[in-house]
Amino acid sequence: MSVFGVGLPEMAVIAVVGLLVFGPKKLPELGRTLGKTLKAFQSASREFSNAVMTEANAPETPVPTTQQQITSTAMVSPAESASTPQQHGAEDKD
């Protein structure tokens, strides 16, 4: 049995050292915290992977080139672009 390249004898030594350092009361709490952290990390990793796959499979929308933008703005008539005529000199009469 090998987990992350660590065999059964190495895991036993790590457990004994952990038991000596943290004590029998604190060790189960640390194990639960580590388990919750790993589960949250795994969930976040799965969500990230799904988001990347969704973006990779989404159809691409073409980006208009500069020439297309110029053509589309040139098609607007001058009357449409000016909403109200400017009145010069109206402010000078007051």
Protein backbone atom coordinates (compact mmCIF):
# COMPACT_ATOMS: atom_id res chain seq x y z
CA MET A 1 0.00 0.00 0.00
CA SER A 2 1.51 3.29 -1.11
CA VAL A 3 -0.11 6.70 -0.78
CA PHE A 4 1.82 9.59 -2.39
CA GLY A 5 4.92 7.41 -2.40
CA VAL A 6 4.69 6.82 1.36
CA GLY A 7 4.45 3.18 2.43
CA LEU A 8 2.82 1.62 5.50
CA PRO A 9 5.92 1.82 7.77
CA GLU A 10 6.42 5.52 6.99
CA MET A 11 2.74 6.25 7.67
CA ALA A 12 3.01 4.50 11.05
CA VAL A 13 6.05 6.59 11.99
CA ILE A 14 4.25 9.80 10.95
CA ALA A 15 1.19 8.78 13.03
CA VAL A 16 3.32 8.05 16.11
CA VAL A 17 5.19 11.36 15.80
CA GLY A 18 1.88 13.19 15.32
CA LEU A 19 0.44 11.47 18.38
CA LEU A 20 3.48 12.48 20.45
CA VAL A 21 3.51 16.08 19.23
CA PHE A 22 -0.22 16.88 19.30
CA GLY A 23 -1.53 14.39 21.87
CA PRO A 24 -4.45 11.97 21.70
CA LYS A 25 -7.12 14.68 22.17
CA LYS A 26 -5.93 17.03 19.45
CA LEU A 27 -5.01 14.44 16.79
CA PRO A 28 -8.62 13.47 15.76
CA GLU A 29 -9.53 17.15 15.47
CA LEU A 30 -6.52 17.78 13.24
CA GLY A 31 -7.47 14.76 11.11
CA ARG A 32 -11.01 16.07 10.63
CA THR A 33 -9.72 19.52 9.72
CA LEU A 34 -7.28 18.02 7.23
CA GLY A 35 -10.06 15.88 5.72
CA LYS A 36 -12.40 18.88 5.34
CA THR A 37 -9.61 20.93 3.77
CA LEU A 38 -8.78 18.20 1.27
CA LYS A 39 -12.48 17.77 0.40
CA ALA A 40 -12.90 21.52 -0.15
CA PHE A 41 -9.76 21.61 -2.30
CA GLN A 42 -11.01 18.66 -4.34
CA SER A 43 -14.40 20.34 -4.83
CA ALA A 44 -12.80 23.63 -5.91
CA SER A 45 -10.51 21.77 -8.27
CA ARG A 46 -13.47 19.97 -9.82
CA GLU A 47 -15.39 23.25 -10.26
CA PHE A 48 -12.36 24.88 -11.88
CA SER A 49 -11.93 21.93 -14.22
CA ASN A 50 -15.61 22.07 -15.21
CA ALA A 51 -15.39 25.82 -15.88
CA VAL A 52 -12.32 25.36 -18.07
CA MET A 53 -13.98 22.54 -20.01
CA THR A 54 -17.14 24.61 -20.48
CA GLU A 55 -15.13 27.53 -21.86
CA ALA A 56 -13.10 25.24 -24.09
CA ASN A 57 -16.24 23.68 -25.57
CA ALA A 58 -18.12 26.97 -26.00
CA PRO A 59 -18.43 28.22 -29.58
CA GLU A 60 -16.22 31.15 -30.39
CA THR A 61 -17.82 34.45 -31.35
CA PRO A 62 -16.02 36.40 -34.05
CA VAL A 63 -14.46 39.67 -33.00
CA PRO A 64 -15.24 42.47 -35.46
CA THR A 65 -12.21 43.82 -37.22
CA THR A 66 -11.41 47.50 -37.49
CA GLN A 67 -12.69 47.57 -41.07
CA GLN A 68 -16.04 46.12 -39.97
CA GLN A 69 -16.33 48.73 -37.22
CA ILE A 70 -15.59 51.53 -39.70
CA THR A 71 -18.18 50.19 -42.13
CA SER A 72 -20.84 49.85 -39.43
CA THR A 73 -20.28 53.38 -38.10
CA ALA A 74 -20.20 54.84 -41.64
CA MET A 75 -23.66 53.42 -42.31
CA VAL A 76 -25.19 55.69 -39.64
CA SER A 77 -26.52 58.84 -41.24
CA PRO A 78 -25.42 62.24 -39.91
CA ALA A 79 -29.03 63.03 -38.94
CA GLU A 80 -29.14 59.96 -36.68
CA SER A 81 -25.84 60.77 -35.02
CA ALA A 82 -26.85 64.34 -34.07
CA SER A 83 -29.80 64.08 -31.71
CA THR A 84 -30.37 67.84 -31.29
CA PRO A 85 -28.95 70.72 -33.28
CA GLN A 86 -26.59 72.95 -31.36
CA GLN A 87 -27.64 76.54 -31.07
CA HIS A 88 -24.73 78.90 -31.08
CA GLY A 89 -25.33 82.40 -29.88
CA ALA A 90 -28.43 81.61 -27.82
CA GLU A 91 -26.39 82.02 -24.65
CA ASP A 92 -24.99 85.36 -25.83
CA LYS A 93 -28.47 87.02 -25.96
CA ASP A 94 -29.05 86.86 -22.21
